[in-house]
Amino acid sequence: MKKPSWLRKNWLWVAGAAFVGIHFGTWLMQQAMKSSARSEKVIQKRSLDE
């Protein structure tokens, strides 16, 4: 009998890691966009003050 492949044996771990990876990646992108928006707001405020 043929041994099951690594992916077939560990599909739940693979699916879980993909799920966590995708959500972590989107969280990082959100944080980067928030930071960018904050710095843009500061730049606009400084230019209005001058």
PDB file of N, CA and C in Angstrom:
ATOM      1  N   MET A   1       0.832  -1.195   0.000  1.00  0.00           N
ATOM      2  CA  MET A   1       0.000   0.000   0.000  1.00  0.00           C
ATOM      3  C   MET A   1       0.875   1.256   0.000  1.00  0.00           C
ATOM      4  N   LYS A   2       0.461   2.231  -0.773  1.00  0.00           N
ATOM      5  CA  LYS A   2       1.230   3.463  -0.917  1.00  0.00           C
ATOM      6  C   LYS A   2       1.070   4.342   0.336  1.00  0.00           C
ATOM      7  N   LYS A   3       2.189   4.944   0.777  1.00  0.00           N
ATOM      8  CA  LYS A   3       2.127   5.841   1.924  1.00  0.00           C
ATOM      9  C   LYS A   3       1.391   7.124   1.533  1.00  0.00           C
ATOM     10  N   PRO A   4       0.520   7.650   2.410  1.00  0.00           N
ATOM     11  CA  PRO A   4      -0.142   8.925   2.086  1.00  0.00           C
ATOM     12  C   PRO A   4       0.883  10.059   2.038  1.00  0.00           C
ATOM     13  N   SER A   5       0.631  11.024   1.191  1.00  0.00           N
ATOM     14  CA  SER A   5       1.575  12.128   1.046  1.00  0.00           C
ATOM     15  C   SER A   5       1.587  12.996   2.307  1.00  0.00           C
ATOM     16  N   TRP A   6       2.634  13.773   2.438  1.00  0.00           N
ATOM     17  CA  TRP A   6       2.774  14.661   3.587  1.00  0.00           C
ATOM     18  C   TRP A   6       1.601  15.622   3.654  1.00  0.00           C
ATOM     19  N   LEU A   7       1.182  16.145   2.505  1.00  0.00           N
ATOM     20  CA  LEU A   7       0.085  17.112   2.477  1.00  0.00           C
ATOM     21  C   LEU A   7      -1.231  16.487   2.917  1.00  0.00           C
ATOM     22  N   ARG A   8      -1.469  15.249   2.499  1.00  0.00           N
ATOM     23  CA  ARG A   8      -2.709  14.564   2.910  1.00  0.00           C
ATOM     24  C   ARG A   8      -2.719  14.286   4.411  1.00  0.00           C
ATOM     25  N   LYS A   9      -1.553  14.000   4.970  1.00  0.00           N
ATOM     26  CA  LYS A   9      -1.490  13.723   6.409  1.00  0.00           C
ATOM     27  C   LYS A   9      -1.630  15.007   7.226  1.00  0.00           C
ATOM     28  N   ASN A  10      -1.139  16.105   6.703  1.00  0.00           N
ATOM     29  CA  ASN A  10      -1.066  17.345   7.478  1.00  0.00           C
ATOM     30  C   ASN A  10      -1.914  18.473   6.893  1.00  0.00           C
ATOM     31  N   TRP A  11      -2.993  18.127   6.205  1.00  0.00           N
ATOM     32  CA  TRP A  11      -3.798  19.153   5.532  1.00  0.00           C
ATOM     33  C   TRP A  11      -4.392  20.154   6.515  1.00  0.00           C
ATOM     34  N   LEU A  12      -4.717  19.712   7.717  1.00  0.00           N
ATOM     35  CA  LEU A  12      -5.316  20.630   8.690  1.00  0.00           C
ATOM     36  C   LEU A  12      -4.298  21.671   9.146  1.00  0.00           C
ATOM     37  N   TRP A  13      -3.055  21.241   9.362  1.00  0.00           N
ATOM     38  CA  TRP A  13      -1.995  22.179   9.734  1.00  0.00           C
ATOM     39  C   TRP A  13      -1.737  23.177   8.608  1.00  0.00           C
ATOM     40  N   VAL A  14      -1.734  22.678   7.378  1.00  0.00           N
ATOM     41  CA  VAL A  14      -1.496  23.549   6.216  1.00  0.00           C
ATOM     42  C   VAL A  14      -2.613  24.581   6.095  1.00  0.00           C
ATOM     43  N   ALA A  15      -3.862  24.139   6.234  1.00  0.00           N
ATOM     44  CA  ALA A  15      -4.998  25.052   6.138  1.00  0.00           C
ATOM     45  C   ALA A  15      -4.957  26.088   7.265  1.00  0.00           C
ATOM     46  N   GLY A  16      -4.625  25.653   8.464  1.00  0.00           N
ATOM     47  CA  GLY A  16      -4.536  26.572   9.601  1.00  0.00           C
ATOM     48  C   GLY A  16      -3.434  27.593   9.417  1.00  0.00           C
ATOM     49  N   ALA A  17      -2.282  27.151   8.937  1.00  0.00           N
ATOM     50  CA  ALA A  17      -1.170  28.072   8.714  1.00  0.00           C
ATOM     51  C   ALA A  17      -1.504  29.079   7.623  1.00  0.00           C
ATOM     52  N   ALA A  18      -2.187  28.633   6.570  1.00  0.00           N
ATOM     53  CA  ALA A  18      -2.584  29.547   5.504  1.00  0.00           C
ATOM     54  C   ALA A  18      -3.577  30.579   6.035  1.00  0.00           C
ATOM     55  N   PHE A  19      -4.534  30.131   6.837  1.00  0.00           N
ATOM     56  CA  PHE A  19      -5.529  31.030   7.424  1.00  0.00           C
ATOM     57  C   PHE A  19      -4.855  32.092   8.286  1.00  0.00           C
ATOM     58  N   VAL A  20      -3.980  31.660   9.177  1.00  0.00           N
ATOM     59  CA  VAL A  20      -3.277  32.587  10.067  1.00  0.00           C
ATOM     60  C   VAL A  20      -2.376  33.514   9.258  1.00  0.00           C
ATOM     61  N   GLY A  21      -1.688  32.973   8.268  1.00  0.00           N
ATOM     62  CA  GLY A  21      -0.796  33.796   7.447  1.00  0.00           C
ATOM     63  C   GLY A  21      -1.528  34.879   6.684  1.00  0.00           C
ATOM     64  N   ILE A  22      -2.658  34.531   6.123  1.00  0.00           N
ATOM     65  CA  ILE A  22      -3.441  35.521   5.377  1.00  0.00           C
ATOM     66  C   ILE A  22      -3.931  36.625   6.318  1.00  0.00           C
ATOM     67  N   HIS A  23      -4.437  36.235   7.477  1.00  0.00           N
ATOM     68  CA  HIS A  23      -4.950  37.241   8.404  1.00  0.00           C
ATOM     69  C   HIS A  23      -3.839  38.104   8.982  1.00  0.00           C
ATOM     70  N   PHE A  24      -2.682  37.512   9.245  1.00  0.00           N
ATOM     71  CA  PHE A  24      -1.550  38.293   9.728  1.00  0.00           C
ATOM     72  C   PHE A  24      -1.082  39.274   8.648  1.00  0.00           C
ATOM     73  N   GLY A  25      -1.053  38.820   7.404  1.00  0.00           N
ATOM     74  CA  GLY A  25      -0.659  39.701   6.296  1.00  0.00           C
ATOM     75  C   GLY A  25      -1.615  40.862   6.124  1.00  0.00           C
ATOM     76  N   THR A  26      -2.913  40.610   6.215  1.00  0.00           N
ATOM     77  CA  THR A  26      -3.875  41.710   6.080  1.00  0.00           C
ATOM     78  C   THR A  26      -3.787  42.660   7.265  1.00  0.00           C
ATOM     79  N   TRP A  27      -3.501  42.126   8.470  1.00  0.00           N
ATOM     80  CA  TRP A  27      -3.336  42.985   9.643  1.00  0.00           C
ATOM     81  C   TRP A  27      -2.120  43.897   9.460  1.00  0.00           C
ATOM     82  N   LEU A  28      -1.023  43.341   8.952  1.00  0.00           N
ATOM     83  CA  LEU A  28       0.166  44.151   8.691  1.00  0.00           C
ATOM     84  C   LEU A  28      -0.132  45.252   7.674  1.00  0.00           C
ATOM     85  N   MET A  29      -0.877  44.913   6.623  1.00  0.00           N
ATOM     86  CA  MET A  29      -1.225  45.919   5.619  1.00  0.00           C
ATOM     87  C   MET A  29      -2.099  47.010   6.226  1.00  0.00           C
ATOM     88  N   GLN A  30      -3.028  46.634   7.086  1.00  0.00           N
ATOM     89  CA  GLN A  30      -3.875  47.623   7.761  1.00  0.00           C
ATOM     90  C   GLN A  30      -3.031  48.566   8.606  1.00  0.00           C
ATOM     91  N   GLN A  31      -2.094  48.001   9.353  1.00  0.00           N
ATOM     92  CA  GLN A  31      -1.247  48.831  10.209  1.00  0.00           C
ATOM     93  C   GLN A  31      -0.407  49.798   9.364  1.00  0.00           C
ATOM     94  N   ALA A  32       0.099  49.328   8.261  1.00  0.00           N
ATOM     95  CA  ALA A  32       0.895  50.180   7.380  1.00  0.00           C
ATOM     96  C   ALA A  32       0.043  51.308   6.807  1.00  0.00           C
ATOM     97  N   MET A  33      -1.188  51.005   6.418  1.00  0.00           N
ATOM     98  CA  MET A  33      -2.070  52.033   5.860  1.00  0.00           C
ATOM     99  C   MET A  33      -2.460  53.055   6.925  1.00  0.00           C
ATOM    100  N   LYS A  34      -2.715  52.609   8.150  1.00  0.00           N
ATOM    101  CA  LYS A  34      -3.048  53.527   9.236  1.00  0.00           C
ATOM    102  C   LYS A  34      -1.881  54.465   9.514  1.00  0.00           C
ATOM    103  N   SER A  35      -0.693  53.896   9.563  1.00  0.00           N
ATOM    104  CA  SER A  35       0.502  54.696   9.808  1.00  0.00           C
ATOM    105  C   SER A  35       0.705  55.721   8.689  1.00  0.00           C
ATOM    106  N   SER A  36       0.502  55.290   7.459  1.00  0.00           N
ATOM    107  CA  SER A  36       0.649  56.180   6.313  1.00  0.00           C
ATOM    108  C   SER A  36      -0.378  57.310   6.369  1.00  0.00           C
ATOM    109  N   ALA A  37      -1.609  56.971   6.730  1.00  0.00           N
ATOM    110  CA  ALA A  37      -2.656  57.992   6.815  1.00  0.00           C
ATOM    111  C   ALA A  37      -2.347  58.994   7.921  1.00  0.00           C
ATOM    112  N   ARG A  38      -1.836  58.503   9.058  1.00  0.00           N
ATOM    113  CA  ARG A  38      -1.489  59.408  10.153  1.00  0.00           C
ATOM    114  C   ARG A  38      -0.380  60.369   9.744  1.00  0.00           C
ATOM    115  N   SER A  39       0.665  59.846   9.094  1.00  0.00           N
ATOM    116  CA  SER A  39       1.772  60.711   8.710  1.00  0.00           C
ATOM    117  C   SER A  39       1.333  61.706   7.634  1.00  0.00           C
ATOM    118  N   GLU A  40       0.449  61.284   6.741  1.00  0.00           N
ATOM    119  CA  GLU A  40      -0.078  62.197   5.723  1.00  0.00           C
ATOM    120  C   GLU A  40      -0.884  63.314   6.379  1.00  0.00           C
ATOM    121  N   LYS A  41      -1.649  62.977   7.401  1.00  0.00           N
ATOM    122  CA  LYS A  41      -2.444  63.974   8.111  1.00  0.00           C
ATOM    123  C   LYS A  41      -1.531  64.990   8.805  1.00  0.00           C
ATOM    124  N   VAL A  42      -0.437  64.518   9.402  1.00  0.00           N
ATOM    125  CA  VAL A  42       0.520  65.401  10.075  1.00  0.00           C
ATOM    126  C   VAL A  42       1.161  66.339   9.057  1.00  0.00           C
ATOM    127  N   ILE A  43       1.527  65.811   7.895  1.00  0.00           N
ATOM    128  CA  ILE A  43       2.145  66.633   6.847  1.00  0.00           C
ATOM    129  C   ILE A  43       1.165  67.714   6.387  1.00  0.00           C
ATOM    130  N   GLN A  44      -0.095  67.352   6.176  1.00  0.00           N
ATOM    131  CA  GLN A  44      -1.099  68.331   5.746  1.00  0.00           C
ATOM    132  C   GLN A  44      -1.324  69.392   6.814  1.00  0.00           C
ATOM    133  N   LYS A  45      -1.348  68.982   8.091  1.00  0.00           N
ATOM    134  CA  LYS A  45      -1.554  69.936   9.173  1.00  0.00           C
ATOM    135  C   LYS A  45      -0.384  70.919   9.258  1.00  0.00           C
ATOM    136  N   ARG A  46       0.833  70.414   9.090  1.00  0.00           N
ATOM    137  CA  ARG A  46       2.016  71.292   9.132  1.00  0.00           C
ATOM    138  C   ARG A  46       1.981  72.301   7.971  1.00  0.00           C
ATOM    139  N   SER A  47       1.581  71.846   6.807  1.00  0.00           N
ATOM    140  CA  SER A  47       1.563  72.764   5.662  1.00  0.00           C
ATOM    141  C   SER A  47       0.464  73.818   5.836  1.00  0.00           C
ATOM    142  N   LEU A  48      -0.625  73.480   6.512  1.00  0.00           N
ATOM    143  CA  LEU A  48      -1.681  74.458   6.756  1.00  0.00           C
ATOM    144  C   LEU A  48      -1.257  75.462   7.821  1.00  0.00           C
ATOM    145  N   ASP A  49      -0.458  75.021   8.788  1.00  0.00           N
ATOM    146  CA  ASP A  49      -0.004  75.907   9.874  1.00  0.00           C
ATOM    147  C   ASP A  49       1.001  76.955   9.364  1.00  0.00           C
ATOM    148  N   GLU A  50       1.714  76.628   8.323  1.00  0.00           N
ATOM    149  CA  GLU A  50       2.748  77.552   7.837  1.00  0.00           C
ATOM    150  C   GLU A  50       2.197  78.640   6.984  1.00  0.00           C
TER     151      GLU A  50
END
